[in-house]
Amino acid sequence: LVDAELTRADVRDAETQGDVVIGYTQTRADALEREADGRATWGVVALLAGAAAIGTGVTLVLLDDASEVEATTVIGGAPLPGGGLVTARGRF
């Protein structure tokens, strides 16, 4: 979502003379706007998927009956170019 806003800021901050944008052609400005819309959509999808995964994990932990099987959970993470990776492995 931040990436989409940065792309939109590129268009908003383009060089102007009066009301005329001289930093971009109309075609380029339209392309940047479409790109920002696409990035915003995927950002929302990722946010919702992450929230669903967290909700599922919390639900599984709360409903887990540890008396049946010894639960083992391993959580890890690693930095990646442009973001990061979080992994969880468990037995429940």
Protein backbone atom coordinates (compact mmCIF):
# COMPACT_ATOMS: atom_id res chain seq x y z
CA LEU A 1 0.00 0.00 0.00
CA VAL A 2 2.88 2.32 0.75
CA ASP A 3 4.43 1.46 -2.61
CA ALA A 4 1.19 2.41 -4.38
CA GLU A 5 1.09 5.74 -2.57
CA LEU A 6 4.71 6.44 -3.53
CA THR A 7 3.85 5.79 -7.19
CA ARG A 8 0.89 8.19 -6.96
CA ALA A 9 3.17 10.76 -5.30
CA ASP A 10 5.44 10.62 -8.36
CA VAL A 11 2.56 11.90 -10.48
CA ARG A 12 1.41 14.47 -7.92
CA ASP A 13 4.94 15.83 -7.54
CA ALA A 14 5.65 16.08 -11.28
CA GLU A 15 7.00 19.39 -12.52
CA THR A 16 4.26 21.79 -13.62
CA GLN A 17 3.91 25.16 -15.30
CA GLY A 18 0.63 26.59 -14.13
CA ASP A 19 -1.94 23.81 -14.49
CA VAL A 20 0.09 21.90 -17.08
CA VAL A 21 2.25 18.93 -16.03
CA ILE A 22 5.54 18.99 -17.88
CA GLY A 23 7.29 16.21 -15.96
CA TYR A 24 5.27 13.37 -17.57
CA THR A 25 3.25 12.74 -20.67
CA GLN A 26 -0.44 12.00 -20.12
CA THR A 27 0.20 8.42 -21.22
CA ARG A 28 2.96 7.99 -18.62
CA ALA A 29 0.87 9.57 -15.87
CA ASP A 30 -2.04 7.24 -16.72
CA ALA A 31 0.31 4.24 -16.69
CA LEU A 32 1.66 5.22 -13.27
CA GLU A 33 -1.87 5.61 -11.94
CA ARG A 34 -2.85 2.14 -13.22
CA GLU A 35 0.34 0.71 -11.70
CA ALA A 36 -0.48 2.33 -8.35
CA ASP A 37 -4.02 0.93 -8.46
CA GLY A 38 -2.69 -2.56 -9.13
CA ARG A 39 -0.16 -2.33 -6.31
CA ALA A 40 -2.83 -1.07 -3.92
CA THR A 41 -5.09 -3.99 -4.83
CA TRP A 42 -2.35 -6.55 -4.21
CA GLY A 43 -1.43 -4.78 -0.99
CA VAL A 44 -4.99 -5.16 0.30
CA VAL A 45 -5.05 -8.83 -0.79
CA ALA A 46 -1.78 -9.50 1.07
CA LEU A 47 -3.02 -7.64 4.15
CA LEU A 48 -6.25 -9.65 4.24
CA ALA A 49 -4.42 -12.95 3.67
CA GLY A 50 -2.03 -12.12 6.51
CA ALA A 51 -4.90 -11.22 8.84
CA ALA A 52 -6.66 -14.49 7.96
CA ALA A 53 -3.48 -16.48 8.62
CA ILE A 54 -2.96 -14.79 11.99
CA GLY A 55 -6.61 -15.33 12.91
CA THR A 56 -6.37 -19.00 11.97
CA GLY A 57 -3.20 -19.41 14.01
CA VAL A 58 -4.69 -17.76 17.07
CA THR A 59 -7.83 -19.89 16.76
CA LEU A 60 -5.79 -23.08 16.48
CA VAL A 61 -3.68 -22.17 19.51
CA LEU A 62 -6.75 -21.31 21.60
CA LEU A 63 -8.65 -24.47 20.62
CA ASP A 64 -5.64 -26.79 20.90
CA ASP A 65 -6.01 -29.63 23.39
CA ALA A 66 -2.40 -30.13 24.48
CA SER A 67 -3.28 -33.22 26.53
CA GLU A 68 -3.72 -35.35 23.38
CA VAL A 69 -0.44 -34.64 21.59
CA GLU A 70 2.61 -32.70 22.60
CA ALA A 71 2.53 -29.59 20.42
CA THR A 72 5.72 -28.37 18.81
CA THR A 73 5.95 -25.00 17.14
CA VAL A 74 8.94 -23.47 15.41
CA ILE A 75 8.78 -19.91 14.13
CA GLY A 76 11.51 -18.37 12.00
CA GLY A 77 12.19 -15.38 9.83
CA ALA A 78 14.64 -14.07 7.30
CA PRO A 79 15.18 -10.74 5.55
CA LEU A 80 14.71 -10.75 1.78
CA PRO A 81 15.28 -8.07 -0.85
CA GLY A 82 12.22 -5.83 -0.75
CA GLY A 83 10.69 -7.45 2.34
CA GLY A 84 11.04 -10.46 4.53
CA LEU A 85 9.93 -14.02 5.15
CA VAL A 86 8.21 -15.42 8.23
CA THR A 87 7.75 -19.16 8.57
CA ALA A 88 5.91 -21.25 11.10
CA ARG A 89 6.02 -24.99 11.47
CA GLY A 90 4.05 -26.87 14.00
CA ARG A 91 2.26 -29.97 15.06
CA PHE A 92 -1.17 -29.75 16.55
